[in-house]
Protein backbone atom coordinates (compact mmCIF):
# COMPACT_ATOMS: atom_id res chain seq x y z
CA MET A 1 15.24 -17.69 37.53
CA GLN A 2 15.32 -20.58 35.09
CA HIS A 3 16.36 -20.78 31.47
CA TRP A 4 16.82 -23.43 28.82
CA GLN A 5 20.23 -23.43 27.20
CA ILE A 6 22.07 -25.12 24.34
CA PRO A 7 25.33 -26.62 25.65
CA SER A 8 25.72 -28.71 22.48
CA PHE A 9 23.55 -29.17 19.41
CA GLY A 10 20.44 -31.34 19.48
CA ILE A 11 17.03 -31.21 21.14
CA ASP A 12 18.04 -33.93 23.58
CA SER A 13 21.03 -31.83 24.65
CA LEU A 14 18.95 -28.92 25.96
CA ILE A 15 19.47 -28.20 29.66
CA LEU A 16 17.12 -26.47 32.10
CA ALA A 17 19.40 -24.37 34.29
CA GLU A 18 18.99 -21.90 37.14
CA LYS A 19 20.79 -18.70 37.99
CA ASP A 20 20.24 -15.53 39.99
CA SER A 21 17.68 -13.08 38.65
CA PRO A 22 19.37 -10.48 36.41
CA GLN A 23 19.24 -6.82 37.32
CA PRO A 24 18.59 -4.11 34.73
CA GLY A 25 21.35 -1.59 34.18
CA ALA A 26 20.99 1.94 32.86
CA GLY A 27 18.61 1.99 29.92
CA GLU A 28 17.56 -1.63 30.47
CA VAL A 29 14.35 -3.39 31.42
CA LEU A 30 13.79 -6.61 33.40
CA VAL A 31 10.92 -8.65 31.93
CA ARG A 32 9.12 -11.58 33.53
CA VAL A 33 8.56 -13.83 30.52
CA HIS A 34 5.17 -15.55 30.56
CA SER A 35 5.09 -17.15 27.11
CA VAL A 36 7.50 -18.08 24.33
CA SER A 37 6.57 -19.12 20.79
CA LEU A 38 8.58 -21.21 18.38
CA ASN A 39 9.74 -20.55 14.83
CA TYR A 40 11.42 -22.98 12.46
CA ARG A 41 14.59 -20.92 12.94
CA ASP A 42 14.61 -21.90 16.63
CA LEU A 43 14.62 -25.58 15.72
CA MET A 44 17.46 -24.98 13.26
CA VAL A 45 19.45 -23.11 15.92
CA VAL A 46 19.03 -25.92 18.47
CA GLU A 47 19.98 -28.58 15.93
CA GLY A 48 23.03 -26.68 14.67
CA ARG A 49 21.69 -26.15 11.14
CA TYR A 50 21.32 -22.39 11.44
CA ASN A 51 24.79 -21.47 12.65
CA PRO A 52 27.21 -24.37 13.18
CA ARG A 53 29.61 -21.93 14.86
CA LEU A 54 27.06 -20.71 17.42
CA ALA A 55 28.68 -19.53 20.65
CA MET A 56 27.51 -21.83 23.44
CA PRO A 57 25.92 -22.12 25.85
CA ARG A 58 23.12 -20.10 24.26
CA VAL A 59 19.54 -19.48 25.39
CA PRO A 60 17.36 -20.16 22.33
CA CYS A 61 14.14 -18.68 20.93
CA SER A 62 13.53 -15.19 19.58
CA ASP A 63 9.87 -14.73 20.51
CA GLY A 64 8.51 -14.09 23.97
CA ALA A 65 6.04 -11.89 25.84
CA GLY A 66 5.74 -10.89 29.46
CA GLU A 67 5.48 -8.01 31.89
CA VAL A 68 7.98 -5.46 33.10
CA LEU A 69 9.30 -6.26 36.58
CA ALA A 70 11.84 -3.45 36.95
CA VAL A 71 13.50 -0.69 34.96
CA GLY A 72 17.03 0.64 35.10
CA ALA A 73 18.21 4.22 35.43
CA GLY A 74 17.08 6.55 32.68
CA VAL A 75 14.31 4.31 31.32
CA THR A 76 11.31 6.41 30.26
CA ARG A 77 9.55 4.20 27.71
CA TRP A 78 8.37 1.53 30.17
CA LYS A 79 7.05 1.14 33.70
CA VAL A 80 6.50 -1.84 35.98
CA GLY A 81 3.51 -3.89 34.87
CA ASP A 82 3.63 -3.01 31.17
CA ARG A 83 2.88 -5.94 28.84
CA VAL A 84 5.65 -6.26 26.29
CA ALA A 85 7.37 -8.46 23.71
CA GLY A 86 10.98 -8.37 22.57
CA ILE A 87 11.78 -7.38 19.00
CA PHE A 88 13.56 -10.00 16.87
CA MET A 89 16.62 -7.90 15.99
CA GLN A 90 17.47 -5.76 18.98
CA ASN A 91 19.39 -3.23 16.87
CA TRP A 92 16.85 -2.73 14.06
CA LEU A 93 14.60 0.02 15.34
CA GLU A 94 13.46 1.67 12.11
CA GLY A 95 14.36 2.32 8.50
CA GLN A 96 16.01 0.02 6.01
CA PRO A 97 18.13 -2.95 7.13
CA THR A 98 21.90 -2.61 7.43
CA ALA A 99 24.62 -5.00 8.49
CA ALA A 100 24.76 -3.36 11.91
CA LYS A 101 20.98 -3.51 12.39
CA ALA A 102 20.93 -7.19 11.45
CA LYS A 103 23.18 -8.06 14.40
CA GLY A 104 21.77 -8.76 17.82
CA ALA A 105 19.04 -11.23 16.85
CA LEU A 106 17.53 -12.90 19.91
CA GLY A 107 18.20 -16.61 20.26
CA GLY A 108 21.08 -16.48 17.81
CA ASP A 109 23.59 -13.66 18.07
CA ILE A 110 22.57 -13.14 21.69
CA ASP A 111 20.64 -15.09 24.32
CA GLY A 112 16.97 -15.46 23.54
CA MET A 113 13.65 -15.56 25.34
CA LEU A 114 13.42 -19.16 26.58
CA ALA A 115 13.90 -17.98 30.16
CA THR A 116 11.63 -16.97 33.00
CA GLU A 117 13.31 -13.54 33.19
CA VAL A 118 15.29 -11.53 30.65
CA VAL A 119 16.95 -8.12 30.57
CA LEU A 120 16.66 -6.15 27.33
CA PRO A 121 17.36 -2.56 26.28
CA GLU A 122 14.28 -0.36 26.62
CA CYS A 123 14.38 0.20 22.84
CA GLY A 124 14.25 -3.57 22.23
CA LEU A 125 10.64 -3.98 23.35
CA VAL A 126 7.17 -3.21 22.03
CA ARG A 127 3.81 -3.10 23.76
CA ILE A 128 1.55 -6.02 22.90
CA PRO A 129 -2.08 -5.28 21.91
CA GLU A 130 -4.37 -5.10 24.91
CA HIS A 131 -6.84 -7.69 23.62
CA LEU A 132 -4.15 -10.39 23.35
CA SER A 133 -3.03 -12.83 26.05
CA PHE A 134 0.64 -13.39 26.74
CA ASP A 135 0.45 -16.65 24.75
CA GLU A 136 -0.96 -14.73 21.79
CA GLY A 137 1.44 -11.82 22.18
CA ALA A 138 4.40 -14.22 22.14
CA THR A 139 3.50 -15.34 18.60
CA LEU A 140 4.11 -11.92 17.07
CA PRO A 141 7.82 -10.95 16.97
CA CYS A 142 9.09 -13.11 14.11
CA ALA A 143 6.29 -14.82 12.14
CA ALA A 144 3.72 -12.04 12.33
CA VAL A 145 6.13 -9.20 11.54
CA THR A 146 7.54 -11.23 8.65
CA ALA A 147 4.08 -11.85 7.20
CA TRP A 148 3.14 -8.19 7.69
CA ASN A 149 6.19 -7.00 5.78
CA ALA A 150 5.64 -9.55 3.02
CA LEU A 151 2.18 -8.13 2.40
CA PHE A 152 2.71 -4.45 3.06
CA LYS A 153 6.40 -3.68 2.42
CA ALA A 154 7.55 -6.23 -0.16
CA THR A 155 4.41 -5.11 -1.99
CA ASP A 156 1.28 -3.13 -1.19
CA THR A 157 -1.52 -5.66 -0.83
CA LYS A 158 -4.92 -4.09 -1.45
CA PRO A 159 -8.55 -5.16 -1.90
CA GLY A 160 -9.00 -7.37 -4.94
CA ASP A 161 -5.41 -8.68 -5.01
CA THR A 162 -4.74 -12.43 -4.92
CA VAL A 163 -2.20 -13.79 -2.44
CA LEU A 164 -0.84 -17.36 -2.47
CA ILE A 165 0.35 -18.89 0.79
CA GLN A 166 2.34 -22.11 1.22
CA GLY A 167 1.51 -24.43 4.10
CA THR A 168 -0.12 -23.58 7.41
CA GLY A 169 2.76 -22.62 9.68
CA GLY A 170 3.06 -19.39 11.59
CA VAL A 171 4.06 -17.04 8.77
CA SER A 172 1.54 -18.49 6.32
CA ILE A 173 -1.42 -18.31 8.71
CA PHE A 174 -0.57 -14.73 9.68
CA ALA A 175 -0.28 -13.90 5.97
CA LEU A 176 -3.75 -15.37 5.45
CA GLN A 177 -5.18 -13.27 8.28
CA PHE A 178 -3.47 -10.05 7.17
CA ALA A 179 -4.45 -10.59 3.54
CA ARG A 180 -8.07 -10.99 4.55
CA MET A 181 -7.77 -7.83 6.64
CA ALA A 182 -6.64 -6.04 3.49
CA GLY A 183 -9.55 -7.38 1.42
CA ALA A 184 -7.42 -9.69 -0.71
CA ARG A 185 -8.35 -13.10 -2.06
CA VAL A 186 -6.17 -15.89 -0.65
CA LEU A 187 -5.15 -19.17 -2.25
CA GLY A 188 -3.30 -21.81 -0.27
CA ILE A 189 -1.45 -25.07 -0.76
CA SER A 190 -0.82 -27.75 1.84
CA SER A 191 -0.05 -31.45 2.07
CA SER A 192 -3.09 -31.90 4.34
CA ASP A 193 -6.75 -31.64 3.32
CA GLU A 194 -7.64 -31.28 6.99
CA LYS A 195 -5.38 -28.23 7.34
CA LEU A 196 -6.82 -26.70 4.18
CA ALA A 197 -10.30 -27.11 5.66
CA ARG A 198 -9.19 -25.37 8.85
CA ALA A 199 -7.63 -22.58 6.80
CA ALA A 200 -10.91 -22.18 4.95
CA GLY A 201 -12.48 -21.44 8.32
CA LEU A 202 -10.06 -18.51 8.62
CA GLY A 203 -11.01 -17.14 5.20
CA LEU A 204 -8.93 -19.14 2.71
CA ASP A 205 -10.79 -18.78 -0.58
CA ALA A 206 -9.41 -21.87 -2.31
CA GLY A 207 -6.93 -24.60 -1.39
CA LEU A 208 -5.00 -27.38 -3.09
CA ASN A 209 -3.26 -30.47 -1.74
CA TYR A 210 0.14 -30.29 -3.43
CA ARG A 211 0.89 -33.93 -2.64
CA ALA A 212 -2.01 -34.99 -4.83
CA HIS A 213 -1.50 -32.15 -7.32
CA PRO A 214 2.20 -31.21 -7.40
CA GLU A 215 1.89 -28.74 -10.27
CA TRP A 216 0.22 -26.19 -8.04
CA GLU A 217 1.40 -23.26 -10.15
CA LYS A 218 -0.95 -24.39 -12.92
CA TRP A 219 -3.79 -24.49 -10.40
CA ALA A 220 -2.95 -20.95 -9.26
CA LEU A 221 -3.03 -19.75 -12.86
CA GLY A 222 -6.39 -21.42 -13.34
CA GLU A 223 -7.75 -19.77 -10.20
CA THR A 224 -6.76 -16.38 -11.62
CA HIS A 225 -8.03 -16.94 -15.18
CA GLY A 226 -4.50 -17.41 -16.47
CA GLU A 227 -3.19 -14.13 -15.09
CA GLY A 228 -1.29 -15.30 -12.01
CA VAL A 229 -1.35 -14.16 -8.41
CA ASP A 230 -0.22 -10.75 -7.22
CA LEU A 231 1.91 -12.11 -4.37
CA VAL A 232 3.40 -15.45 -3.37
CA VAL A 233 4.40 -15.69 0.30
CA GLU A 234 7.27 -18.06 -0.44
CA VAL A 235 8.31 -20.08 2.61
CA GLY A 236 9.54 -23.21 0.85
CA GLY A 237 12.82 -21.91 -0.50
CA SER A 238 14.75 -23.20 -3.47
CA GLY A 239 12.56 -26.28 -3.82
CA THR A 240 9.38 -24.26 -4.41
CA LEU A 241 10.68 -20.98 -5.83
CA PRO A 242 10.59 -22.09 -9.52
CA ARG A 243 6.87 -22.89 -9.23
CA ALA A 244 6.24 -19.65 -7.34
CA LEU A 245 7.78 -17.69 -10.20
CA ARG A 246 5.47 -19.41 -12.65
CA ALA A 247 2.43 -18.81 -10.41
CA VAL A 248 2.91 -15.05 -10.00
CA LYS A 249 1.54 -12.61 -12.55
CA PRO A 250 3.70 -10.33 -14.72
CA GLY A 251 4.86 -7.47 -12.51
CA GLY A 252 3.91 -9.43 -9.39
CA THR A 253 5.94 -10.12 -6.25
CA VAL A 254 7.47 -13.18 -4.65
CA ALA A 255 8.23 -12.49 -0.98
CA GLN A 256 11.07 -14.92 -0.27
CA ILE A 257 10.96 -15.88 3.40
CA GLY A 258 11.66 -19.52 4.16
CA VAL A 259 14.21 -22.22 3.42
CA LEU A 260 12.15 -25.29 4.26
CA THR A 261 12.99 -27.28 1.12
CA GLY A 262 16.05 -28.29 -0.82
CA ALA A 263 16.57 -27.55 -4.48
CA ALA A 264 14.16 -29.40 -6.78
CA GLU A 265 15.06 -27.69 -10.05
CA ALA A 266 17.19 -24.81 -11.21
CA VAL A 267 15.68 -21.34 -11.03
CA ASP A 268 15.05 -20.02 -14.54
CA VAL A 269 16.12 -16.38 -14.34
CA ARG A 270 14.47 -15.74 -17.68
CA VAL A 271 11.06 -16.06 -16.00
CA ILE A 272 11.97 -13.26 -13.60
CA LEU A 273 13.11 -11.07 -16.49
CA SER A 274 10.32 -11.77 -18.95
CA LYS A 275 7.56 -11.41 -16.36
CA GLN A 276 9.36 -8.52 -14.60
CA ILE A 277 8.81 -10.19 -11.23
CA ARG A 278 9.97 -8.60 -8.03
CA VAL A 279 11.66 -11.17 -5.76
CA GLN A 280 11.98 -9.55 -2.34
CA GLY A 281 13.74 -11.18 0.58
CA VAL A 282 11.89 -10.62 3.86
CA TYR A 283 13.76 -11.22 7.11
CA VAL A 284 11.36 -10.14 9.88
CA GLY A 285 11.49 -6.34 10.29
CA SER A 286 12.15 -3.38 12.55
CA ARG A 287 10.60 -2.21 15.81
CA ALA A 288 8.72 0.43 13.80
CA ASP A 289 7.28 -2.35 11.61
CA PHE A 290 6.27 -4.29 14.74
CA ASP A 291 4.51 -1.23 16.19
CA ALA A 292 2.69 -0.56 12.91
CA MET A 293 1.55 -4.17 12.73
CA ASN A 294 0.31 -4.08 16.32
CA ARG A 295 -1.82 -1.05 15.52
CA GLY A 296 -3.38 -2.96 12.65
CA ILE A 297 -3.94 -6.05 14.82
CA ALA A 298 -5.55 -3.96 17.55
CA GLN A 299 -7.83 -2.10 15.15
CA ALA A 300 -8.98 -5.35 13.51
CA GLY A 301 -9.21 -7.30 16.78
CA LEU A 302 -7.16 -10.05 15.12
CA LYS A 303 -6.35 -13.10 17.24
CA PRO A 304 -3.29 -15.22 16.42
CA VAL A 305 -3.87 -18.91 15.73
CA ILE A 306 -2.20 -21.13 18.34
CA ASP A 307 -1.64 -24.79 17.53
CA SER A 308 -0.69 -25.96 21.02
CA VAL A 309 0.64 -24.73 24.36
CA PHE A 310 3.35 -26.70 26.15
CA SER A 311 4.35 -26.36 29.79
CA TRP A 312 7.72 -24.93 30.78
CA LYS A 313 9.37 -28.27 31.30
CA GLU A 314 8.02 -29.55 27.99
CA ALA A 315 10.15 -27.21 25.89
CA PRO A 316 11.95 -30.11 24.16
CA ALA A 317 8.57 -31.67 23.32
CA ALA A 318 7.46 -28.36 21.81
CA LEU A 319 10.51 -28.43 19.53
CA ARG A 320 9.64 -31.99 18.59
CA ARG A 321 6.19 -30.75 17.61
CA MET A 322 7.85 -28.15 15.37
CA GLU A 323 10.13 -30.85 13.95
CA SER A 324 7.13 -33.04 13.04
CA ALA A 325 5.67 -30.27 10.82
CA GLY A 326 2.21 -31.25 12.01
CA HIS A 327 1.32 -27.91 13.53
CA PHE A 328 -1.26 -25.40 12.33
CA GLY A 329 -0.34 -21.86 13.38
CA LYS A 330 1.98 -21.20 16.29
CA ILE A 331 3.47 -23.46 18.97
CA VAL A 332 3.74 -21.81 22.41
CA ILE A 333 5.63 -22.63 25.58
CA SER A 334 4.23 -21.24 28.83
CA THR A 335 6.71 -20.40 31.60
CA GLU A 336 4.01 -20.72 34.27
């Protein structure tokens, strides 16, 4: 089997290596990985910006889908041929997060999915919806579960609510799709008019180019008759959070997810207090969350949006695509 590994930080340092196929032990499952999708976290891991003390060599990437090749002794959840994806945090099966559950994240704490074969505990997998391909199933573990929890656990998005998304990356596009599933109105900001037009084709109700109109919080207030949005899916981080707080309505929610920007201005805590805003950190979710999301995806027949599919040996080029920030939806690497 083959796997990409990080011997030292940097995209150009990635090595494609070979080793014997792993064998599943008791309670473990051997998966033939068909597709891997990228998240911004994966780029940060490879470049050394996520954990400068990362134990190396490390196989990167948290998200992958494939089929079960073999099961170890005592495995009852899976059988050969099942179509599965790994869960982001292998120890977070259900309930609220804890320090122990937060350990064991694929592609960080432990080796990830950028391999042709992986062995995972039987509890660390979910079944992917039948109507999805392996490429589509590989997009779900991190970005989709994060967006799902932003809409339905950080708050309870319902018909008639207004949701504001930032950009057109994986989390934001899934948030758009899930919000439309829930009957919510969706506003979006992007630096690209072309991307906003594509998002409109997915149901975006109104969009704004924040390069041309940087005070996008005023636009959001105008779009909601001065009230503010119910939810901001906040992927920018400290550089966009102050505007997000001004864009959300009193009693609304900011789901804090990303760290894509540096600080632009200090966060005025008084806004949080006076408007009684809920700022909820969202860091993916549990296996139970993943299963619940998959039921919703299957019922709605939702199809993930894939920006591009790279071949196995083009994994570094796929990371360069992520680095360019030109993508719309998810970037996938096929192991075929």
